[in-house]
Amino acid sequence: MALSYFKALSDETRLRLVHILLHYELSVNELVRILSMGQSRISRHLKILSEAGLLTSRRDGLWVFYCAAPAGEAREFLRAVLPFMHADAAMSADLRAAAHTIEERARSTRQFFNAIAEDWDELNREVLGGFDLPAAVCAAAPRDCGVAVDLGCGTGAVLERLQSRARTLVGVDGSARMLDMCRRRFAPSALADESRLSLRIGELDHLPLRDQEADFVCINLVLHHLSDPEDGLREVRRILAPGGRLFVADFLRHDDEAMRSRYGDRWLGFDEDHLTGGLRRAGFRILSCTRQPVGRGLSLLLVSACAGGAPASLQGDLQ
């Protein structure tokens, strides 16, 4: 097995690809841009590395994403050779370019939501059909909750309904325009009292909340916009108090490519095992997981979870 690994890495381009993909999951087109090479060349090298077991791929609709083998003998081999790659100038430049690509993803998402903020409620109704998502969130929230947080709060439909369930509400969104729309739902007196309502701009992988600040968190139709949903889930775990509750609503895996252009989706939903597995790795205990048919022939996964042990990243390197 070691011989096949060494053979697969006996090329400068393949070494550079592995080094990038040890740090990020990227599509073929993104790798083409980062390395400034033709797609056929990149695809050929990715095939060699994948056949050797050093890479894994994930198809999401028409897109294919690659990353380094996440576990097992191949991961141990890559972990052993990684220290010998860091000093290479080309590889350092590759990582800077890859980080820029991830930043561009986030910037593109913010721009998209700023542009469609005025139409967001109507777009949501198109997707949800007759399903009352705010009611489902309220049913999952503890009674007389201390601090309830809506991540990716959008125009505030869920926050408005949570007013009767929590003493303090916090809404977080990466789009300044969405937060402007959200403010219109609330009276000036409510907006003036941050002990009652606080609207904060921030990204899901770096939340503007203190450790264990929240008693209840909901994250609705948001994870599929993130480059790395599990990073977002670990950050959610950081802000939840021990025993705090989490409610997640997101799409069951589908193949509706139009969701990318119309709604800015990055993932075409999630398999149930993928979503619940990511929650467990982030330090949550699953309480329930149900499926809810909605519009456009899609279904939602509705997951209730409880903040349990430490995330896997704190218990050992499981990457």
C-alpha atoms as a PDB file:
ATOM      1  CA  MET A   1       0.000   0.000   0.000  1.00  0.00           C
ATOM      2  CA  ALA A   2       2.832   2.415   0.831  1.00  0.00           C
ATOM      3  CA  LEU A   3       4.312   1.890  -2.632  1.00  0.00           C
ATOM      4  CA  SER A   4       1.058   2.979  -4.322  1.00  0.00           C
ATOM      5  CA  TYR A   5       0.954   6.082  -2.120  1.00  0.00           C
ATOM      6  CA  PHE A   6       4.517   7.044  -3.021  1.00  0.00           C
ATOM      7  CA  LYS A   7       3.849   6.447  -6.721  1.00  0.00           C
ATOM      8  CA  ALA A   8       0.763   8.641  -6.574  1.00  0.00           C
ATOM      9  CA  LEU A   9       2.774  11.466  -4.991  1.00  0.00           C
ATOM     10  CA  SER A  10       5.748  11.166  -7.380  1.00  0.00           C
ATOM     11  CA  ASP A  11       4.647  14.240  -9.316  1.00  0.00           C
ATOM     12  CA  GLU A  12       4.880  17.899  -8.347  1.00  0.00           C
ATOM     13  CA  THR A  13       1.313  18.737  -9.390  1.00  0.00           C
ATOM     14  CA  ARG A  14      -0.130  15.841  -7.420  1.00  0.00           C
ATOM     15  CA  LEU A  15       1.878  16.874  -4.364  1.00  0.00           C
ATOM     16  CA  ARG A  16       0.459  20.385  -4.661  1.00  0.00           C
ATOM     17  CA  LEU A  17      -3.084  19.046  -5.044  1.00  0.00           C
ATOM     18  CA  VAL A  18      -2.805  16.852  -1.972  1.00  0.00           C
ATOM     19  CA  HIS A  19      -1.357  19.716   0.050  1.00  0.00           C
ATOM     20  CA  ILE A  20      -4.276  22.002  -0.864  1.00  0.00           C
ATOM     21  CA  LEU A  21      -6.876  19.283  -0.273  1.00  0.00           C
ATOM     22  CA  LEU A  22      -5.501  18.467   3.161  1.00  0.00           C
ATOM     23  CA  HIS A  23      -6.720  21.933   4.136  1.00  0.00           C
ATOM     24  CA  TYR A  24      -9.824  22.545   2.011  1.00  0.00           C
ATOM     25  CA  GLU A  25     -12.566  20.746   0.098  1.00  0.00           C
ATOM     26  CA  LEU A  26     -12.646  22.235  -3.408  1.00  0.00           C
ATOM     27  CA  SER A  27     -14.311  21.663  -6.746  1.00  0.00           C
ATOM     28  CA  VAL A  28     -12.437  20.772  -9.917  1.00  0.00           C
ATOM     29  CA  ASN A  29     -13.038  24.249 -11.357  1.00  0.00           C
ATOM     30  CA  GLU A  30     -11.710  25.894  -8.200  1.00  0.00           C
ATOM     31  CA  LEU A  31      -8.554  23.763  -8.350  1.00  0.00           C
ATOM     32  CA  VAL A  32      -8.116  24.696 -12.014  1.00  0.00           C
ATOM     33  CA  ARG A  33      -8.158  28.392 -11.063  1.00  0.00           C
ATOM     34  CA  ILE A  34      -5.861  27.965  -8.065  1.00  0.00           C
ATOM     35  CA  LEU A  35      -3.172  26.043  -9.979  1.00  0.00           C
ATOM     36  CA  SER A  36      -3.698  27.862 -13.311  1.00  0.00           C
ATOM     37  CA  MET A  37      -3.720  24.565 -15.208  1.00  0.00           C
ATOM     38  CA  GLY A  38      -6.075  23.000 -17.722  1.00  0.00           C
ATOM     39  CA  GLN A  39      -9.080  21.043 -16.483  1.00  0.00           C
ATOM     40  CA  SER A  40      -8.049  17.821 -18.250  1.00  0.00           C
ATOM     41  CA  ARG A  41      -4.658  17.926 -16.557  1.00  0.00           C
ATOM     42  CA  ILE A  42      -6.129  18.551 -13.114  1.00  0.00           C
ATOM     43  CA  SER A  43      -8.765  15.846 -13.616  1.00  0.00           C
ATOM     44  CA  ARG A  44      -6.137  13.292 -14.650  1.00  0.00           C
ATOM     45  CA  HIS A  45      -4.070  13.941 -11.511  1.00  0.00           C
ATOM     46  CA  LEU A  46      -7.154  13.851  -9.287  1.00  0.00           C
ATOM     47  CA  LYS A  47      -8.072  10.471 -10.765  1.00  0.00           C
ATOM     48  CA  ILE A  48      -4.619   9.043  -9.984  1.00  0.00           C
ATOM     49  CA  LEU A  49      -4.727  10.305  -6.403  1.00  0.00           C
ATOM     50  CA  SER A  50      -8.277   9.051  -5.897  1.00  0.00           C
ATOM     51  CA  GLU A  51      -7.492   5.598  -7.279  1.00  0.00           C
ATOM     52  CA  ALA A  52      -4.570   5.387  -4.838  1.00  0.00           C
ATOM     53  CA  GLY A  53      -6.982   6.166  -1.977  1.00  0.00           C
ATOM     54  CA  LEU A  54      -5.370   9.486  -1.029  1.00  0.00           C
ATOM     55  CA  LEU A  55      -8.396  11.595  -2.015  1.00  0.00           C
ATOM     56  CA  THR A  56     -12.142  11.237  -1.676  1.00  0.00           C
ATOM     57  CA  SER A  57     -14.733  12.940  -3.856  1.00  0.00           C
ATOM     58  CA  ARG A  58     -18.275  14.130  -3.253  1.00  0.00           C
ATOM     59  CA  ARG A  59     -20.755  14.746  -6.043  1.00  0.00           C
ATOM     60  CA  ASP A  60     -23.289  17.478  -5.379  1.00  0.00           C
ATOM     61  CA  GLY A  61     -25.565  17.811  -8.374  1.00  0.00           C
ATOM     62  CA  LEU A  62     -23.391  18.736 -11.352  1.00  0.00           C
ATOM     63  CA  TRP A  63     -20.415  19.650  -9.165  1.00  0.00           C
ATOM     64  CA  VAL A  64     -17.703  17.329  -7.820  1.00  0.00           C
ATOM     65  CA  PHE A  65     -15.677  18.277  -4.741  1.00  0.00           C
ATOM     66  CA  TYR A  66     -12.412  16.692  -3.603  1.00  0.00           C
ATOM     67  CA  CYS A  67     -10.638  16.496  -0.263  1.00  0.00           C
ATOM     68  CA  ALA A  68      -7.857  14.436   1.280  1.00  0.00           C
ATOM     69  CA  ALA A  69      -8.776  11.033   2.703  1.00  0.00           C
ATOM     70  CA  PRO A  70     -10.435  11.890   6.046  1.00  0.00           C
ATOM     71  CA  ALA A  71      -9.374   8.805   8.011  1.00  0.00           C
ATOM     72  CA  GLY A  72      -7.629   5.456   7.919  1.00  0.00           C
ATOM     73  CA  GLU A  73      -4.230   4.375   6.634  1.00  0.00           C
ATOM     74  CA  ALA A  74      -4.179   6.932   3.807  1.00  0.00           C
ATOM     75  CA  ARG A  75      -4.810   9.772   6.252  1.00  0.00           C
ATOM     76  CA  GLU A  76      -2.035   8.549   8.530  1.00  0.00           C
ATOM     77  CA  PHE A  77       0.329   8.454   5.560  1.00  0.00           C
ATOM     78  CA  LEU A  78      -0.596  12.010   4.542  1.00  0.00           C
ATOM     79  CA  ARG A  79      -0.214  13.224   8.111  1.00  0.00           C
ATOM     80  CA  ALA A  80       3.307  11.769   8.145  1.00  0.00           C
ATOM     81  CA  VAL A  81       4.401  13.522   4.935  1.00  0.00           C
ATOM     82  CA  LEU A  82       2.668  16.864   5.606  1.00  0.00           C
ATOM     83  CA  PRO A  83       5.578  18.384   7.639  1.00  0.00           C
ATOM     84  CA  PHE A  84       7.831  18.047   4.586  1.00  0.00           C
ATOM     85  CA  MET A  85       5.514  20.181   2.430  1.00  0.00           C
ATOM     86  CA  HIS A  86       5.197  23.384   4.429  1.00  0.00           C
ATOM     87  CA  ALA A  87       8.488  25.050   3.419  1.00  0.00           C
ATOM     88  CA  ASP A  88       7.724  24.902  -0.310  1.00  0.00           C
ATOM     89  CA  ALA A  89       7.022  28.399  -1.703  1.00  0.00           C
ATOM     90  CA  ALA A  90       4.642  27.166  -4.425  1.00  0.00           C
ATOM     91  CA  MET A  91       2.599  25.207  -1.905  1.00  0.00           C
ATOM     92  CA  SER A  92       2.378  28.217   0.404  1.00  0.00           C
ATOM     93  CA  ALA A  93       1.122  30.284  -2.534  1.00  0.00           C
ATOM     94  CA  ASP A  94      -1.421  27.546  -3.312  1.00  0.00           C
ATOM     95  CA  LEU A  95      -2.825  27.750   0.204  1.00  0.00           C
ATOM     96  CA  ARG A  96      -3.157  31.525  -0.010  1.00  0.00           C
ATOM     97  CA  ALA A  97      -5.021  31.164  -3.291  1.00  0.00           C
ATOM     98  CA  ALA A  98      -7.278  28.470  -1.815  1.00  0.00           C
ATOM     99  CA  ALA A  99      -8.046  30.639   1.233  1.00  0.00           C
ATOM    100  CA  HIS A 100      -8.920  33.485  -1.143  1.00  0.00           C
ATOM    101  CA  THR A 101     -11.289  31.145  -3.005  1.00  0.00           C
ATOM    102  CA  ILE A 102     -13.103  30.300   0.239  1.00  0.00           C
ATOM    103  CA  GLU A 103     -13.317  34.011   1.096  1.00  0.00           C
ATOM    104  CA  GLU A 104     -14.760  34.684  -2.357  1.00  0.00           C
ATOM    105  CA  ARG A 105     -17.439  32.062  -1.717  1.00  0.00           C
ATOM    106  CA  ALA A 106     -18.507  33.863   1.460  1.00  0.00           C
ATOM    107  CA  ARG A 107     -18.394  37.275  -0.241  1.00  0.00           C
ATOM    108  CA  SER A 108     -20.501  36.002  -3.123  1.00  0.00           C
ATOM    109  CA  THR A 109     -23.089  34.647  -0.666  1.00  0.00           C
ATOM    110  CA  ARG A 110     -23.287  37.984   1.177  1.00  0.00           C
ATOM    111  CA  GLN A 111     -23.729  39.873  -2.096  1.00  0.00           C
ATOM    112  CA  PHE A 112     -26.441  37.471  -3.204  1.00  0.00           C
ATOM    113  CA  PHE A 113     -28.489  37.916  -0.040  1.00  0.00           C
ATOM    114  CA  ASN A 114     -28.050  41.683  -0.028  1.00  0.00           C
ATOM    115  CA  ALA A 115     -29.412  41.718  -3.582  1.00  0.00           C
ATOM    116  CA  ILE A 116     -32.497  39.573  -2.930  1.00  0.00           C
ATOM    117  CA  ALA A 117     -33.384  40.752   0.604  1.00  0.00           C
ATOM    118  CA  GLU A 118     -36.530  42.589  -0.577  1.00  0.00           C
ATOM    119  CA  ASP A 119     -37.839  39.406  -2.202  1.00  0.00           C
ATOM    120  CA  TRP A 120     -36.701  36.911   0.420  1.00  0.00           C
ATOM    121  CA  ASP A 121     -40.019  36.348   2.165  1.00  0.00           C
ATOM    122  CA  GLU A 122     -41.717  35.584  -1.146  1.00  0.00           C
ATOM    123  CA  LEU A 123     -38.891  33.232  -2.174  1.00  0.00           C
ATOM    124  CA  ASN A 124     -39.194  31.465   1.166  1.00  0.00           C
ATOM    125  CA  ARG A 125     -42.912  30.944   0.667  1.00  0.00           C
ATOM    126  CA  GLU A 126     -42.187  29.461  -2.753  1.00  0.00           C
ATOM    127  CA  VAL A 127     -39.872  26.873  -1.176  1.00  0.00           C
ATOM    128  CA  LEU A 128     -41.795  26.147   2.020  1.00  0.00           C
ATOM    129  CA  GLY A 129     -45.244  25.923   0.464  1.00  0.00           C
ATOM    130  CA  GLY A 130     -47.799  25.694   3.270  1.00  0.00           C
ATOM    131  CA  PHE A 131     -45.325  24.563   5.927  1.00  0.00           C
ATOM    132  CA  ASP A 132     -45.128  26.923   8.930  1.00  0.00           C
ATOM    133  CA  LEU A 133     -41.417  26.830   9.778  1.00  0.00           C
ATOM    134  CA  PRO A 134     -41.554  29.509  12.515  1.00  0.00           C
ATOM    135  CA  ALA A 135     -44.196  27.416  14.317  1.00  0.00           C
ATOM    136  CA  ALA A 136     -41.930  24.350  14.146  1.00  0.00           C
ATOM    137  CA  VAL A 137     -39.068  26.390  15.637  1.00  0.00           C
ATOM    138  CA  CYS A 138     -41.270  27.665  18.464  1.00  0.00           C
ATOM    139  CA  ALA A 139     -42.442  24.122  19.230  1.00  0.00           C
ATOM    140  CA  ALA A 140     -38.795  23.028  19.588  1.00  0.00           C
ATOM    141  CA  ALA A 141     -37.783  25.963  21.819  1.00  0.00           C
ATOM    142  CA  PRO A 142     -37.803  25.451  25.606  1.00  0.00           C
ATOM    143  CA  ARG A 143     -40.539  27.309  27.475  1.00  0.00           C
ATOM    144  CA  ASP A 144     -39.410  30.479  29.258  1.00  0.00           C
ATOM    145  CA  CYS A 145     -36.047  30.333  27.479  1.00  0.00           C
ATOM    146  CA  GLY A 146     -33.309  32.748  28.557  1.00  0.00           C
ATOM    147  CA  VAL A 147     -31.403  33.622  25.369  1.00  0.00           C
ATOM    148  CA  ALA A 148     -32.744  32.374  22.042  1.00  0.00           C
ATOM    149  CA  VAL A 149     -30.614  32.861  18.924  1.00  0.00           C
ATOM    150  CA  ASP A 150     -31.672  32.689  15.278  1.00  0.00           C
ATOM    151  CA  LEU A 151     -28.614  32.155  13.056  1.00  0.00           C
ATOM    152  CA  GLY A 152     -29.172  33.388   9.532  1.00  0.00           C
ATOM    153  CA  CYS A 153     -32.223  35.259  10.786  1.00  0.00           C
ATOM    154  CA  GLY A 154     -32.952  36.847   7.405  1.00  0.00           C
ATOM    155  CA  THR A 155     -35.924  39.194   7.532  1.00  0.00           C
ATOM    156  CA  GLY A 156     -36.879  38.126  11.058  1.00  0.00           C
ATOM    157  CA  ALA A 157     -39.959  35.932  10.545  1.00  0.00           C
ATOM    158  CA  VAL A 158     -38.740  33.357  13.086  1.00  0.00           C
ATOM    159  CA  LEU A 159     -37.472  35.949  15.588  1.00  0.00           C
ATOM    160  CA  GLU A 160     -40.856  37.660  15.572  1.00  0.00           C
ATOM    161  CA  ARG A 161     -42.599  34.420  16.546  1.00  0.00           C
ATOM    162  CA  LEU A 162     -40.002  33.581  19.213  1.00  0.00           C
ATOM    163  CA  GLN A 163     -40.779  36.729  21.213  1.00  0.00           C
ATOM    164  CA  SER A 164     -43.221  34.848  23.428  1.00  0.00           C
ATOM    165  CA  ARG A 165     -40.734  32.021  24.133  1.00  0.00           C
ATOM    166  CA  ALA A 166     -37.569  33.845  25.250  1.00  0.00           C
ATOM    167  CA  ARG A 167     -36.540  36.705  27.508  1.00  0.00           C
ATOM    168  CA  THR A 168     -33.723  37.764  25.146  1.00  0.00           C
ATOM    169  CA  LEU A 169     -33.631  37.337  21.362  1.00  0.00           C
ATOM    170  CA  VAL A 170     -30.485  37.496  19.239  1.00  0.00           C
ATOM    171  CA  GLY A 171     -30.606  37.512  15.438  1.00  0.00           C
ATOM    172  CA  VAL A 172     -27.427  37.004  13.406  1.00  0.00           C
ATOM    173  CA  ASP A 173     -27.044  37.366   9.660  1.00  0.00           C
ATOM    174  CA  GLY A 174     -24.163  37.947   7.265  1.00  0.00           C
ATOM    175  CA  SER A 175     -26.229  40.283   5.089  1.00  0.00           C
ATOM    176  CA  ALA A 176     -26.563  43.904   6.251  1.00  0.00           C
ATOM    177  CA  ARG A 177     -29.555  44.332   3.933  1.00  0.00           C
ATOM    178  CA  MET A 178     -31.336  41.344   5.500  1.00  0.00           C
ATOM    179  CA  LEU A 179     -30.838  42.841   8.958  1.00  0.00           C
ATOM    180  CA  ASP A 180     -32.290  46.149   7.735  1.00  0.00           C
ATOM    181  CA  MET A 181     -35.375  44.242   6.603  1.00  0.00           C
ATOM    182  CA  CYS A 182     -35.501  42.426   9.933  1.00  0.00           C
ATOM    183  CA  ARG A 183     -35.538  45.689  11.903  1.00  0.00           C
ATOM    184  CA  ARG A 184     -38.734  46.729  10.131  1.00  0.00           C
ATOM    185  CA  ARG A 185     -40.633  43.939  11.912  1.00  0.00           C
ATOM    186  CA  PHE A 186     -40.007  45.314  15.385  1.00  0.00           C
ATOM    187  CA  ALA A 187     -41.093  48.401  17.269  1.00  0.00           C
ATOM    188  CA  PRO A 188     -38.407  51.050  17.944  1.00  0.00           C
ATOM    189  CA  SER A 189     -38.768  50.378  21.676  1.00  0.00           C
ATOM    190  CA  ALA A 190     -37.839  46.711  21.171  1.00  0.00           C
ATOM    191  CA  LEU A 191     -34.825  47.611  19.021  1.00  0.00           C
ATOM    192  CA  ALA A 192     -33.658  50.122  21.626  1.00  0.00           C
ATOM    193  CA  ASP A 193     -33.442  47.484  24.368  1.00  0.00           C
ATOM    194  CA  GLU A 194     -30.611  45.027  23.600  1.00  0.00           C
ATOM    195  CA  SER A 195     -31.474  43.009  26.690  1.00  0.00           C
ATOM    196  CA  ARG A 196     -34.666  42.125  24.830  1.00  0.00           C
ATOM    197  CA  LEU A 197     -33.585  42.080  21.153  1.00  0.00           C
ATOM    198  CA  SER A 198     -30.116  42.239  19.612  1.00  0.00           C
ATOM    199  CA  LEU A 199     -29.500  42.087  15.858  1.00  0.00           C
ATOM    200  CA  ARG A 200     -25.887  41.359  14.951  1.00  0.00           C
ATOM    201  CA  ILE A 201     -24.039  41.048  11.670  1.00  0.00           C
ATOM    202  CA  GLY A 202     -21.675  38.080  11.512  1.00  0.00           C
ATOM    203  CA  GLU A 203     -20.620  34.920   9.717  1.00  0.00           C
ATOM    204  CA  LEU A 204     -21.676  31.452  10.819  1.00  0.00           C
ATOM    205  CA  ASP A 205     -18.089  30.235  11.157  1.00  0.00           C
ATOM    206  CA  HIS A 206     -17.212  33.142  13.508  1.00  0.00           C
ATOM    207  CA  LEU A 207     -20.304  34.098  15.453  1.00  0.00           C
ATOM    208  CA  PRO A 208     -20.631  37.421  17.316  1.00  0.00           C
ATOM    209  CA  LEU A 209     -21.634  35.684  20.560  1.00  0.00           C
ATOM    210  CA  ARG A 210     -19.774  34.710  23.715  1.00  0.00           C
ATOM    211  CA  ASP A 211     -19.009  31.126  24.703  1.00  0.00           C
ATOM    212  CA  GLN A 212     -22.164  29.447  26.102  1.00  0.00           C
ATOM    213  CA  GLU A 213     -24.212  32.640  25.698  1.00  0.00           C
ATOM    214  CA  ALA A 214     -27.274  30.919  24.216  1.00  0.00           C
ATOM    215  CA  ASP A 215     -29.867  28.596  25.729  1.00  0.00           C
ATOM    216  CA  PHE A 216     -31.592  27.859  22.419  1.00  0.00           C
ATOM    217  CA  VAL A 217     -30.326  28.185  18.850  1.00  0.00           C
ATOM    218  CA  CYS A 218     -32.110  27.658  15.560  1.00  0.00           C
ATOM    219  CA  ILE A 219     -30.422  27.540  12.174  1.00  0.00           C
ATOM    220  CA  ASN A 220     -32.946  27.336   9.360  1.00  0.00           C
ATOM    221  CA  LEU A 221     -32.108  26.816   5.679  1.00  0.00           C
ATOM    222  CA  VAL A 222     -28.594  28.117   6.293  1.00  0.00           C
ATOM    223  CA  LEU A 223     -26.143  25.206   6.475  1.00  0.00           C
ATOM    224  CA  HIS A 224     -26.451  24.524   2.740  1.00  0.00           C
ATOM    225  CA  HIS A 225     -24.988  27.992   2.075  1.00  0.00           C
ATOM    226  CA  LEU A 226     -21.762  27.297   4.011  1.00  0.00           C
ATOM    227  CA  SER A 227     -18.508  26.062   2.495  1.00  0.00           C
ATOM    228  CA  ASP A 228     -17.980  23.822   5.524  1.00  0.00           C
ATOM    229  CA  PRO A 229     -21.225  23.142   7.431  1.00  0.00           C
ATOM    230  CA  GLU A 230     -19.412  21.234  10.184  1.00  0.00           C
ATOM    231  CA  ASP A 231     -17.306  24.310  10.975  1.00  0.00           C
ATOM    232  CA  GLY A 232     -20.569  26.177  11.450  1.00  0.00           C
ATOM    233  CA  LEU A 233     -21.945  23.446  13.718  1.00  0.00           C
ATOM    234  CA  ARG A 234     -18.833  23.514  15.902  1.00  0.00           C
ATOM    235  CA  GLU A 235     -19.235  27.264  16.251  1.00  0.00           C
ATOM    236  CA  VAL A 236     -22.887  26.775  17.228  1.00  0.00           C
ATOM    237  CA  ARG A 237     -21.759  24.306  19.885  1.00  0.00           C
ATOM    238  CA  ARG A 238     -19.357  26.927  21.268  1.00  0.00           C
ATOM    239  CA  ILE A 239     -22.118  29.472  21.921  1.00  0.00           C
ATOM    240  CA  LEU A 240     -24.613  27.003  23.448  1.00  0.00           C
ATOM    241  CA  ALA A 241     -24.730  26.519  27.195  1.00  0.00           C
ATOM    242  CA  PRO A 242     -24.361  22.917  28.441  1.00  0.00           C
ATOM    243  CA  GLY A 243     -27.662  21.166  27.839  1.00  0.00           C
ATOM    244  CA  GLY A 244     -28.805  23.944  25.503  1.00  0.00           C
ATOM    245  CA  ARG A 245     -31.131  23.037  22.645  1.00  0.00           C
ATOM    246  CA  LEU A 246     -30.526  23.316  18.913  1.00  0.00           C
ATOM    247  CA  PHE A 247     -33.080  23.170  16.105  1.00  0.00           C
ATOM    248  CA  VAL A 248     -31.876  22.667  12.524  1.00  0.00           C
ATOM    249  CA  ALA A 249     -34.050  22.816   9.430  1.00  0.00           C
ATOM    250  CA  ASP A 250     -32.371  22.094   6.123  1.00  0.00           C
ATOM    251  CA  PHE A 251     -33.026  20.362   2.844  1.00  0.00           C
ATOM    252  CA  LEU A 252     -32.890  16.639   2.384  1.00  0.00           C
ATOM    253  CA  ARG A 253     -30.478  15.865  -0.433  1.00  0.00           C
ATOM    254  CA  HIS A 254     -31.972  16.650  -3.858  1.00  0.00           C
ATOM    255  CA  ASP A 255     -30.923  17.323  -7.455  1.00  0.00           C
ATOM    256  CA  ASP A 256     -32.651  20.644  -8.212  1.00  0.00           C
ATOM    257  CA  GLU A 257     -29.723  22.599  -9.729  1.00  0.00           C
ATOM    258  CA  ALA A 258     -31.929  25.694 -10.091  1.00  0.00           C
ATOM    259  CA  MET A 259     -31.627  26.172  -6.319  1.00  0.00           C
ATOM    260  CA  ARG A 260     -28.038  27.326  -6.811  1.00  0.00           C
ATOM    261  CA  SER A 261     -28.931  30.280  -9.034  1.00  0.00           C
ATOM    262  CA  ARG A 262     -32.330  31.190  -7.587  1.00  0.00           C
ATOM    263  CA  TYR A 263     -31.501  30.817  -3.879  1.00  0.00           C
ATOM    264  CA  GLY A 264     -27.695  30.901  -3.757  1.00  0.00           C
ATOM    265  CA  ASP A 265     -27.431  27.319  -2.452  1.00  0.00           C
ATOM    266  CA  ARG A 266     -23.957  25.803  -2.230  1.00  0.00           C
ATOM    267  CA  TRP A 267     -25.027  22.278  -1.158  1.00  0.00           C
ATOM    268  CA  LEU A 268     -28.028  20.537  -2.704  1.00  0.00           C
ATOM    269  CA  GLY A 269     -29.245  19.389   0.701  1.00  0.00           C
ATOM    270  CA  PHE A 270     -27.865  16.694   2.990  1.00  0.00           C
ATOM    271  CA  ASP A 271     -28.317  13.003   3.566  1.00  0.00           C
ATOM    272  CA  GLU A 272     -29.859  12.388   6.975  1.00  0.00           C
ATOM    273  CA  ASP A 273     -26.809  10.435   8.182  1.00  0.00           C
ATOM    274  CA  HIS A 274     -24.500  13.200   6.946  1.00  0.00           C
ATOM    275  CA  LEU A 275     -26.343  15.917   8.855  1.00  0.00           C
ATOM    276  CA  THR A 276     -26.854  13.979  12.097  1.00  0.00           C
ATOM    277  CA  GLY A 277     -23.280  12.653  11.927  1.00  0.00           C
ATOM    278  CA  GLY A 278     -21.942  16.201  11.597  1.00  0.00           C
ATOM    279  CA  LEU A 279     -24.004  17.265  14.603  1.00  0.00           C
ATOM    280  CA  ARG A 280     -22.630  14.414  16.697  1.00  0.00           C
ATOM    281  CA  ARG A 281     -19.051  15.228  15.694  1.00  0.00           C
ATOM    282  CA  ALA A 282     -19.689  18.841  16.696  1.00  0.00           C
ATOM    283  CA  GLY A 283     -20.705  17.726  20.198  1.00  0.00           C
ATOM    284  CA  PHE A 284     -24.491  17.371  19.970  1.00  0.00           C
ATOM    285  CA  ARG A 285     -26.823  14.577  21.040  1.00  0.00           C
ATOM    286  CA  ILE A 286     -29.648  13.981  18.578  1.00  0.00           C
ATOM    287  CA  LEU A 287     -33.116  14.116  20.131  1.00  0.00           C
ATOM    288  CA  SER A 288     -35.227  13.730  16.995  1.00  0.00           C
ATOM    289  CA  CYS A 289     -35.003  13.884  13.213  1.00  0.00           C
ATOM    290  CA  THR A 290     -38.077  14.060  11.005  1.00  0.00           C
ATOM    291  CA  ARG A 291     -38.790  14.765   7.335  1.00  0.00           C
ATOM    292  CA  GLN A 292     -41.198  17.430   6.146  1.00  0.00           C
ATOM    293  CA  PRO A 293     -42.335  17.746   2.491  1.00  0.00           C
ATOM    294  CA  VAL A 294     -42.306  21.363   1.276  1.00  0.00           C
ATOM    295  CA  GLY A 295     -42.512  23.177  -2.076  1.00  0.00           C
ATOM    296  CA  ARG A 296     -40.687  22.501  -5.376  1.00  0.00           C
ATOM    297  CA  GLY A 297     -40.833  18.769  -4.671  1.00  0.00           C
ATOM    298  CA  LEU A 298     -38.291  19.174  -1.859  1.00  0.00           C
ATOM    299  CA  SER A 299     -38.246  17.905   1.732  1.00  0.00           C
ATOM    300  CA  LEU A 300     -36.773  19.344   4.904  1.00  0.00           C
ATOM    301  CA  LEU A 301     -34.859  17.536   7.610  1.00  0.00           C
ATOM    302  CA  LEU A 302     -36.009  18.877  11.000  1.00  0.00           C
ATOM    303  CA  VAL A 303     -33.485  18.000  13.697  1.00  0.00           C
ATOM    304  CA  SER A 304     -33.668  18.720  17.422  1.00  0.00           C
ATOM    305  CA  ALA A 305     -30.441  18.251  19.373  1.00  0.00           C
ATOM    306  CA  CYS A 306     -28.928  18.931  22.766  1.00  0.00           C
ATOM    307  CA  ALA A 307     -25.440  20.308  23.504  1.00  0.00           C
ATOM    308  CA  GLY A 308     -23.598  17.297  24.862  1.00  0.00           C
ATOM    309  CA  GLY A 309     -19.893  16.505  25.008  1.00  0.00           C
ATOM    310  CA  ALA A 310     -16.935  18.343  23.527  1.00  0.00           C
ATOM    311  CA  PRO A 311     -16.698  18.538  19.735  1.00  0.00           C
ATOM    312  CA  ALA A 312     -14.595  15.865  18.084  1.00  0.00           C
ATOM    313  CA  SER A 313     -11.911  18.428  17.210  1.00  0.00           C
ATOM    314  CA  LEU A 314     -11.384  18.964  20.938  1.00  0.00           C
ATOM    315  CA  GLN A 315     -11.274  15.264  21.699  1.00  0.00           C
ATOM    316  CA  GLY A 316      -8.581  14.441  19.155  1.00  0.00           C
ATOM    317  CA  ASP A 317      -7.614  15.013  15.540  1.00  0.00           C
ATOM    318  CA  LEU A 318     -10.341  13.255  13.615  1.00  0.00           C
ATOM    319  CA  GLN A 319      -9.818  15.198  10.386  1.00  0.00           C
END
